[in-house]
PDB file of N, CA and C in Angstrom:
ATOM      1  N   UNK A   1      43.243  85.866  99.571  1.00  0.00           N
ATOM      2  CA  UNK A   1      43.181  84.653 100.096  1.00  0.00           C
ATOM      3  C   UNK A   1      43.451  84.697 101.602  1.00  0.00           C
ATOM      4  N   UNK A   2      42.741  84.354 102.818  1.00  0.00           N
ATOM      5  CA  UNK A   2      42.681  85.120 104.101  1.00  0.00           C
ATOM      6  C   UNK A   2      44.131  84.639 104.519  1.00  0.00           C
ATOM      7  N   UNK A   3      44.533  84.973 105.814  1.00  0.00           N
ATOM      8  CA  UNK A   3      45.755  84.790 106.340  1.00  0.00           C
ATOM      9  C   UNK A   3      45.167  83.580 107.082  1.00  0.00           C
ATOM     10  N   UNK A   4      46.482  82.930 107.730  1.00  0.00           N
ATOM     11  CA  UNK A   4      45.963  81.259 108.326  1.00  0.00           C
ATOM     12  C   UNK A   4      45.361  81.779 109.926  1.00  0.00           C
ATOM     13  N   UNK A   5      45.974  82.633 110.468  1.00  0.00           N
ATOM     14  CA  UNK A   5      45.653  83.535 111.588  1.00  0.00           C
ATOM     15  C   UNK A   5      43.712  83.831 111.484  1.00  0.00           C
ATOM     16  N   UNK A   6      43.350  84.163 110.556  1.00  0.00           N
ATOM     17  CA  UNK A   6      41.805  84.588 110.280  1.00  0.00           C
ATOM     18  C   UNK A   6      41.162  83.176 110.104  1.00  0.00           C
ATOM     19  N   UNK A   7      41.877  82.626 109.165  1.00  0.00           N
ATOM     20  CA  UNK A   7      40.965  81.163 108.914  1.00  0.00           C
ATOM     21  C   UNK A   7      40.949  80.355 110.110  1.00  0.00           C
ATOM     22  N   UNK A   8      42.224  80.133 111.379  1.00  0.00           N
ATOM     23  CA  UNK A   8      42.212  79.476 112.309  1.00  0.00           C
ATOM     24  C   UNK A   8      41.182  80.228 113.074  1.00  0.00           C
ATOM     25  N   UNK A   9      40.541  81.653 113.203  1.00  0.00           N
ATOM     26  CA  UNK A   9      39.753  81.613 114.178  1.00  0.00           C
ATOM     27  C   UNK A   9      37.810  81.616 113.434  1.00  0.00           C
ATOM     28  N   UNK A  10      38.198  81.512 112.325  1.00  0.00           N
ATOM     29  CA  UNK A  10      36.766  81.153 112.000  1.00  0.00           C
ATOM     30  C   UNK A  10      36.646  79.566 111.994  1.00  0.00           C
ATOM     31  N   UNK A  11      37.300  79.178 111.913  1.00  0.00           N
ATOM     32  CA  UNK A  11      37.713  77.452 112.232  1.00  0.00           C
ATOM     33  C   UNK A  11      37.013  77.276 113.652  1.00  0.00           C
ATOM     34  N   UNK A  12      38.323  78.106 114.697  1.00  0.00           N
ATOM     35  CA  UNK A  12      37.478  77.777 115.567  1.00  0.00           C
ATOM     36  C   UNK A  12      36.694  78.095 116.237  1.00  0.00           C
ATOM     37  N   UNK A  13      36.016  79.266 116.009  1.00  0.00           N
ATOM     38  CA  UNK A  13      34.829  79.844 116.419  1.00  0.00           C
ATOM     39  C   UNK A  13      33.490  78.995 116.539  1.00  0.00           C
ATOM     40  N   UNK A  14      33.640  78.178 115.194  1.00  0.00           N
ATOM     41  CA  UNK A  14      32.416  77.580 115.131  1.00  0.00           C
ATOM     42  C   UNK A  14      30.875  77.945 114.575  1.00  0.00           C
ATOM     43  N   UNK A  15      31.393  79.355 114.405  1.00  0.00           N
ATOM     44  CA  UNK A  15      29.916  80.691 114.339  1.00  0.00           C
ATOM     45  C   UNK A  15      30.080  80.298 112.327  1.00  0.00           C
ATOM     46  N   UNK A  16      31.108  80.158 111.545  1.00  0.00           N
ATOM     47  CA  UNK A  16      31.414  80.575 110.422  1.00  0.00           C
ATOM     48  C   UNK A  16      31.303  79.046 109.553  1.00  0.00           C
ATOM     49  N   UNK A  17      31.124  78.364 109.858  1.00  0.00           N
ATOM     50  CA  UNK A  17      31.525  76.847 109.445  1.00  0.00           C
ATOM     51  C   UNK A  17      30.756  76.898 107.899  1.00  0.00           C
ATOM     52  N   UNK A  18      29.971  77.614 107.557  1.00  0.00           N
ATOM     53  CA  UNK A  18      29.293  77.454 106.444  1.00  0.00           C
ATOM     54  C   UNK A  18      29.317  78.716 105.647  1.00  0.00           C
ATOM     55  N   UNK A  19      30.635  79.417 106.028  1.00  0.00           N
ATOM     56  CA  UNK A  19      30.742  80.344 105.286  1.00  0.00           C
ATOM     57  C   UNK A  19      32.604  80.724 105.335  1.00  0.00           C
ATOM     58  N   UNK A  20      33.132  79.404 105.120  1.00  0.00           N
ATOM     59  CA  UNK A  20      34.490  79.529 104.848  1.00  0.00           C
ATOM     60  C   UNK A  20      34.732  79.022 103.487  1.00  0.00           C
ATOM     61  N   UNK A  21      35.864  80.004 102.744  1.00  0.00           N
ATOM     62  CA  UNK A  21      36.219  79.581 101.405  1.00  0.00           C
ATOM     63  C   UNK A  21      36.728  78.441 101.254  1.00  0.00           C
ATOM     64  N   UNK A  22      36.443  77.503 100.405  1.00  0.00           N
ATOM     65  CA  UNK A  22      37.223  76.321 100.330  1.00  0.00           C
ATOM     66  C   UNK A  22      38.351  76.298  99.998  1.00  0.00           C
ATOM     67  N   UNK A  23      39.246  77.658  99.243  1.00  0.00           N
ATOM     68  CA  UNK A  23      40.589  77.299  99.243  1.00  0.00           C
ATOM     69  C   UNK A  23      40.996  77.957 100.237  1.00  0.00           C
ATOM     70  N   UNK A  24      41.018  78.654 100.925  1.00  0.00           N
ATOM     71  CA  UNK A  24      41.194  79.205 102.246  1.00  0.00           C
ATOM     72  C   UNK A  24      41.471  78.111 103.099  1.00  0.00           C
ATOM     73  N   UNK A  25      40.034  76.900 102.736  1.00  0.00           N
ATOM     74  CA  UNK A  25      40.296  76.162 103.762  1.00  0.00           C
ATOM     75  C   UNK A  25      41.316  74.967 103.084  1.00  0.00           C
ATOM     76  N   UNK A  26      41.759  74.713 102.133  1.00  0.00           N
ATOM     77  CA  UNK A  26      42.708  74.012 101.887  1.00  0.00           C
ATOM     78  C   UNK A  26      43.930  74.757 102.198  1.00  0.00           C
ATOM     79  N   UNK A  27      44.163  75.826 102.018  1.00  0.00           N
ATOM     80  CA  UNK A  27      45.356  76.115 102.553  1.00  0.00           C
ATOM     81  C   UNK A  27      45.612  76.262 103.672  1.00  0.00           C
ATOM     82  N   UNK A  28      44.744  76.312 104.852  1.00  0.00           N
ATOM     83  CA  UNK A  28      44.824  76.096 106.079  1.00  0.00           C
ATOM     84  C   UNK A  28      45.155  74.544 106.369  1.00  0.00           C
ATOM     85  N   UNK A  29      44.530  73.348 106.112  1.00  0.00           N
ATOM     86  CA  UNK A  29      44.991  72.326 106.565  1.00  0.00           C
ATOM     87  C   UNK A  29      46.225  71.899 105.744  1.00  0.00           C
ATOM     88  N   UNK A  30      46.789  72.600 104.453  1.00  0.00           N
ATOM     89  CA  UNK A  30      48.146  72.455 104.384  1.00  0.00           C
ATOM     90  C   UNK A  30      49.111  72.845 105.142  1.00  0.00           C
ATOM     91  N   UNK A  31      48.830  73.932 105.622  1.00  0.00           N
ATOM     92  CA  UNK A  31      49.510  74.837 106.732  1.00  0.00           C
ATOM     93  C   UNK A  31      50.036  73.989 107.964  1.00  0.00           C
ATOM     94  N   UNK A  32      49.135  72.729 107.996  1.00  0.00           N
ATOM     95  CA  UNK A  32      49.549  72.074 109.329  1.00  0.00           C
ATOM     96  C   UNK A  32      50.161  70.807 108.800  1.00  0.00           C
ATOM     97  N   UNK A  33      50.725  70.654 107.595  1.00  0.00           N
ATOM     98  CA  UNK A  33      51.614  69.953 106.906  1.00  0.00           C
ATOM     99  C   UNK A  33      51.272  68.650 106.579  1.00  0.00           C
ATOM    100  N   UNK A  34      49.692  68.498 106.276  1.00  0.00           N
ATOM    101  CA  UNK A  34      49.282  67.698 105.579  1.00  0.00           C
ATOM    102  C   UNK A  34      49.365  67.309 104.399  1.00  0.00           C
ATOM    103  N   UNK A  35      49.813  66.180 103.751  1.00  0.00           N
ATOM    104  CA  UNK A  35      49.872  65.917 101.910  1.00  0.00           C
ATOM    105  C   UNK A  35      48.306  65.837 102.050  1.00  0.00           C
ATOM    106  N   UNK A  36      47.927  66.622 100.227  1.00  0.00           N
ATOM    107  CA  UNK A  36      47.182  66.636  99.573  1.00  0.00           C
ATOM    108  C   UNK A  36      47.067  65.685  98.533  1.00  0.00           C
ATOM    109  N   UNK A  37      45.911  64.896  98.302  1.00  0.00           N
ATOM    110  CA  UNK A  37      45.909  64.260  97.243  1.00  0.00           C
ATOM    111  C   UNK A  37      44.579  64.738  96.207  1.00  0.00           C
ATOM    112  N   UNK A  38      44.283  64.604  95.263  1.00  0.00           N
ATOM    113  CA  UNK A  38      43.193  65.079  94.355  1.00  0.00           C
ATOM    114  C   UNK A  38      42.625  64.033  93.559  1.00  0.00           C
ATOM    115  N   UNK A  39      41.350  63.661  93.885  1.00  0.00           N
ATOM    116  CA  UNK A  39      40.713  62.718  93.005  1.00  0.00           C
ATOM    117  C   UNK A  39      39.315  63.077  92.854  1.00  0.00           C
ATOM    118  N   UNK A  40      39.274  63.979  91.523  1.00  0.00           N
ATOM    119  CA  UNK A  40      38.189  64.341  91.059  1.00  0.00           C
ATOM    120  C   UNK A  40      37.541  65.614  92.088  1.00  0.00           C
ATOM    121  N   UNK A  41      36.795  65.684  92.647  1.00  0.00           N
ATOM    122  CA  UNK A  41      36.303  66.633  93.489  1.00  0.00           C
ATOM    123  C   UNK A  41      36.455  66.593  95.076  1.00  0.00           C
ATOM    124  N   UNK A  42      37.434  65.370  95.454  1.00  0.00           N
ATOM    125  CA  UNK A  42      37.717  65.294  96.860  1.00  0.00           C
ATOM    126  C   UNK A  42      39.267  65.392  96.869  1.00  0.00           C
ATOM    127  N   UNK A  43      39.292  66.098  97.962  1.00  0.00           N
ATOM    128  CA  UNK A  43      40.628  66.781  98.384  1.00  0.00           C
ATOM    129  C   UNK A  43      40.924  65.761  99.688  1.00  0.00           C
ATOM    130  N   UNK A  44      41.691  65.019  99.581  1.00  0.00           N
ATOM    131  CA  UNK A  44      42.045  63.828 100.680  1.00  0.00           C
ATOM    132  C   UNK A  44      43.458  64.637 101.502  1.00  0.00           C
ATOM    133  N   UNK A  45      43.468  64.556 102.686  1.00  0.00           N
ATOM    134  CA  UNK A  45      44.646  64.742 103.208  1.00  0.00           C
ATOM    135  C   UNK A  45      45.080  63.801 104.123  1.00  0.00           C
ATOM    136  N   UNK A  46      46.534  63.342 104.255  1.00  0.00           N
ATOM    137  CA  UNK A  46      46.843  62.667 105.331  1.00  0.00           C
ATOM    138  C   UNK A  46      48.203  63.231 106.146  1.00  0.00           C
ATOM    139  N   UNK A  47      48.749  62.738 107.042  1.00  0.00           N
ATOM    140  CA  UNK A  47      49.958  63.226 107.890  1.00  0.00           C
ATOM    141  C   UNK A  47      50.402  62.059 108.652  1.00  0.00           C
ATOM    142  N   UNK A  48      51.323  61.768 108.714  1.00  0.00           N
ATOM    143  CA  UNK A  48      51.929  61.121 109.690  1.00  0.00           C
ATOM    144  C   UNK A  48      51.558  61.219 110.914  1.00  0.00           C
ATOM    145  N   UNK A  49      51.413  59.680 111.782  1.00  0.00           N
ATOM    146  CA  UNK A  49      50.739  60.323 113.228  1.00  0.00           C
ATOM    147  C   UNK A  49      49.527  60.696 113.423  1.00  0.00           C
ATOM    148  N   UNK A  50      48.570  60.836 112.428  1.00  0.00           N
ATOM    149  CA  UNK A  50      47.448  61.335 112.351  1.00  0.00           C
ATOM    150  C   UNK A  50      46.632  59.762 111.627  1.00  0.00           C
ATOM    151  N   UNK A  51      45.754  59.135 112.330  1.00  0.00           N
ATOM    152  CA  UNK A  51      45.358  57.926 112.067  1.00  0.00           C
ATOM    153  C   UNK A  51      44.065  58.119 110.708  1.00  0.00           C
ATOM    154  N   UNK A  52      43.380  59.318 110.717  1.00  0.00           N
ATOM    155  CA  UNK A  52      42.227  59.988 110.303  1.00  0.00           C
ATOM    156  C   UNK A  52      42.632  60.332 109.058  1.00  0.00           C
ATOM    157  N   UNK A  53      41.694  60.309 107.925  1.00  0.00           N
ATOM    158  CA  UNK A  53      42.202  60.862 106.600  1.00  0.00           C
ATOM    159  C   UNK A  53      41.118  62.279 106.788  1.00  0.00           C
ATOM    160  N   UNK A  54      41.625  63.143 106.248  1.00  0.00           N
ATOM    161  CA  UNK A  54      40.945  64.420 106.151  1.00  0.00           C
ATOM    162  C   UNK A  54      40.187  64.309 104.359  1.00  0.00           C
ATOM    163  N   UNK A  55      38.746  64.331 104.487  1.00  0.00           N
ATOM    164  CA  UNK A  55      38.186  64.025 102.852  1.00  0.00           C
ATOM    165  C   UNK A  55      37.382  65.178 102.592  1.00  0.00           C
ATOM    166  N   UNK A  56      37.508  66.491 101.749  1.00  0.00           N
ATOM    167  CA  UNK A  56      36.760  67.728 101.710  1.00  0.00           C
ATOM    168  C   UNK A  56      36.442  67.824 100.081  1.00  0.00           C
ATOM    169  N   UNK A  57      35.168  68.157  99.720  1.00  0.00           N
ATOM    170  CA  UNK A  57      34.639  68.444  98.949  1.00  0.00           C
ATOM    171  C   UNK A  57      33.978  70.311  98.607  1.00  0.00           C
ATOM    172  N   UNK A  58      34.335  70.913  97.495  1.00  0.00           N
ATOM    173  CA  UNK A  58      33.633  71.955  97.542  1.00  0.00           C
ATOM    174  C   UNK A  58      32.355  72.066  97.403  1.00  0.00           C
ATOM    175  N   UNK A  59      31.610  72.914  98.351  1.00  0.00           N
ATOM    176  CA  UNK A  59      30.135  73.230  97.875  1.00  0.00           C
ATOM    177  C   UNK A  59      29.980  74.589  97.287  1.00  0.00           C
ATOM    178  N   UNK A  60      30.118  74.655  95.671  1.00  0.00           N
ATOM    179  CA  UNK A  60      30.784  75.874  94.893  1.00  0.00           C
ATOM    180  C   UNK A  60      31.819  76.654  95.436  1.00  0.00           C
ATOM    181  N   UNK A  61      32.417  77.867  95.720  1.00  0.00           N
ATOM    182  CA  UNK A  61      33.494  78.214  96.517  1.00  0.00           C
ATOM    183  C   UNK A  61      33.784  78.145  98.031  1.00  0.00           C
ATOM    184  N   UNK A  62      32.548  77.262  98.600  1.00  0.00           N
ATOM    185  CA  UNK A  62      32.709  77.336  99.918  1.00  0.00           C
ATOM    186  C   UNK A  62      32.813  75.977 100.463  1.00  0.00           C
ATOM    187  N   UNK A  63      33.723  75.971 101.638  1.00  0.00           N
ATOM    188  CA  UNK A  63      33.400  74.534 102.153  1.00  0.00           C
ATOM    189  C   UNK A  63      32.295  73.789 102.993  1.00  0.00           C
ATOM    190  N   UNK A  64      31.888  72.738 102.920  1.00  0.00           N
ATOM    191  CA  UNK A  64      30.796  72.100 103.578  1.00  0.00           C
ATOM    192  C   UNK A  64      31.075  72.512 105.296  1.00  0.00           C
ATOM    193  N   UNK A  65      29.852  72.866 105.871  1.00  0.00           N
ATOM    194  CA  UNK A  65      29.809  73.078 107.165  1.00  0.00           C
ATOM    195  C   UNK A  65      30.483  71.779 108.004  1.00  0.00           C
ATOM    196  N   UNK A  66      29.656  70.419 107.447  1.00  0.00           N
ATOM    197  CA  UNK A  66      29.894  69.468 108.396  1.00  0.00           C
ATOM    198  C   UNK A  66      31.396  68.800 108.302  1.00  0.00           C
ATOM    199  N   UNK A  67      32.198  69.227 107.480  1.00  0.00           N
ATOM    200  CA  UNK A  67      33.569  69.333 106.943  1.00  0.00           C
ATOM    201  C   UNK A  67      34.591  70.027 107.771  1.00  0.00           C
ATOM    202  N   UNK A  68      34.203  71.383 107.732  1.00  0.00           N
ATOM    203  CA  UNK A  68      34.820  72.324 108.802  1.00  0.00           C
ATOM    204  C   UNK A  68      34.704  71.632 110.401  1.00  0.00           C
ATOM    205  N   UNK A  69      33.451  71.037 110.664  1.00  0.00           N
ATOM    206  CA  UNK A  69      33.475  71.076 112.262  1.00  0.00           C
ATOM    207  C   UNK A  69      34.165  69.527 112.194  1.00  0.00           C
ATOM    208  N   UNK A  70      34.136  68.020 111.199  1.00  0.00           N
ATOM    209  CA  UNK A  70      35.196  67.539 111.371  1.00  0.00           C
ATOM    210  C   UNK A  70      36.570  67.893 111.622  1.00  0.00           C
ATOM    211  N   UNK A  71      37.195  68.554 110.864  1.00  0.00           N
ATOM    212  CA  UNK A  71      38.737  69.146 110.548  1.00  0.00           C
ATOM    213  C   UNK A  71      38.714  69.745 111.931  1.00  0.00           C
ATOM    214  N   UNK A  72      37.829  70.838 112.429  1.00  0.00           N
ATOM    215  CA  UNK A  72      38.320  71.124 113.649  1.00  0.00           C
ATOM    216  C   UNK A  72      38.311  69.746 115.067  1.00  0.00           C
ATOM    217  N   UNK A  73      37.167  69.095 114.726  1.00  0.00           N
ATOM    218  CA  UNK A  73      37.262  68.227 115.943  1.00  0.00           C
ATOM    219  C   UNK A  73      38.628  67.434 115.569  1.00  0.00           C
ATOM    220  N   UNK A  74      39.138  67.051 114.499  1.00  0.00           N
ATOM    221  CA  UNK A  74      40.075  66.420 114.328  1.00  0.00           C
ATOM    222  C   UNK A  74      41.154  66.953 114.713  1.00  0.00           C
ATOM    223  N   UNK A  75      41.666  68.067 114.314  1.00  0.00           N
ATOM    224  CA  UNK A  75      42.582  69.412 114.876  1.00  0.00           C
ATOM    225  C   UNK A  75      43.007  69.139 116.470  1.00  0.00           C
ATOM    226  N   UNK A  76      41.546  69.377 117.323  1.00  0.00           N
ATOM    227  CA  UNK A  76      41.791  69.474 118.547  1.00  0.00           C
ATOM    228  C   UNK A  76      42.060  67.942 119.272  1.00  0.00           C
ATOM    229  N   UNK A  77      41.391  67.103 118.637  1.00  0.00           N
ATOM    230  CA  UNK A  77      41.886  66.025 119.388  1.00  0.00           C
ATOM    231  C   UNK A  77      43.202  65.840 119.355  1.00  0.00           C
ATOM    232  N   UNK A  78      44.295  66.096 118.007  1.00  0.00           N
ATOM    233  CA  UNK A  78      45.426  65.640 118.133  1.00  0.00           C
ATOM    234  C   UNK A  78      46.290  66.879 118.486  1.00  0.00           C
ATOM    235  N   UNK A  79      45.610  68.224 119.250  1.00  0.00           N
ATOM    236  CA  UNK A  79      46.067  69.064 119.658  1.00  0.00           C
ATOM    237  C   UNK A  79      47.277  70.068 118.456  1.00  0.00           C
ATOM    238  N   UNK A  80      46.374  70.075 117.182  1.00  0.00           N
ATOM    239  CA  UNK A  80      47.445  70.357 116.068  1.00  0.00           C
ATOM    240  C   UNK A  80      47.486  71.943 116.386  1.00  0.00           C
ATOM    241  N   UNK A  81      46.440  72.671 116.703  1.00  0.00           N
ATOM    242  CA  UNK A  81      46.173  74.081 116.759  1.00  0.00           C
ATOM    243  C   UNK A  81      47.369  74.505 117.662  1.00  0.00           C
ATOM    244  N   UNK A  82      47.149  74.151 118.770  1.00  0.00           N
ATOM    245  CA  UNK A  82      48.132  74.941 120.030  1.00  0.00           C
ATOM    246  C   UNK A  82      50.200  74.613 119.532  1.00  0.00           C
ATOM    247  N   UNK A  83      50.072  73.561 119.072  1.00  0.00           N
ATOM    248  CA  UNK A  83      51.285  72.692 118.534  1.00  0.00           C
ATOM    249  C   UNK A  83      51.902  73.565 117.297  1.00  0.00           C
ATOM    250  N   UNK A  84      50.799  74.008 116.651  1.00  0.00           N
ATOM    251  CA  UNK A  84      50.841  75.001 115.484  1.00  0.00           C
ATOM    252  C   UNK A  84      51.610  74.009 114.136  1.00  0.00           C
ATOM    253  N   UNK A  85      51.159  72.743 114.108  1.00  0.00           N
ATOM    254  CA  UNK A  85      51.883  72.129 113.070  1.00  0.00           C
ATOM    255  C   UNK A  85      52.756  71.122 113.722  1.00  0.00           C
TER     256      UNK A  85
END
């Protein structure tokens, strides 16, 4: 697994959205204190103070590019990255 810093760089760069390991992406979201619930292939994340729900599914062993973009935009909207969780 990649380190949180490496995953953060990949997510923020927006150049590798279709090449982020799904388990690394899960690790990244969990690092920011989201709670995970799994229902079939859906991994659902919630966090107090965040209205939106994160819902991701794997595409093989990779994350779906549009879901990486959604998570990036959510993290930027709530300023989660600069606050480090």
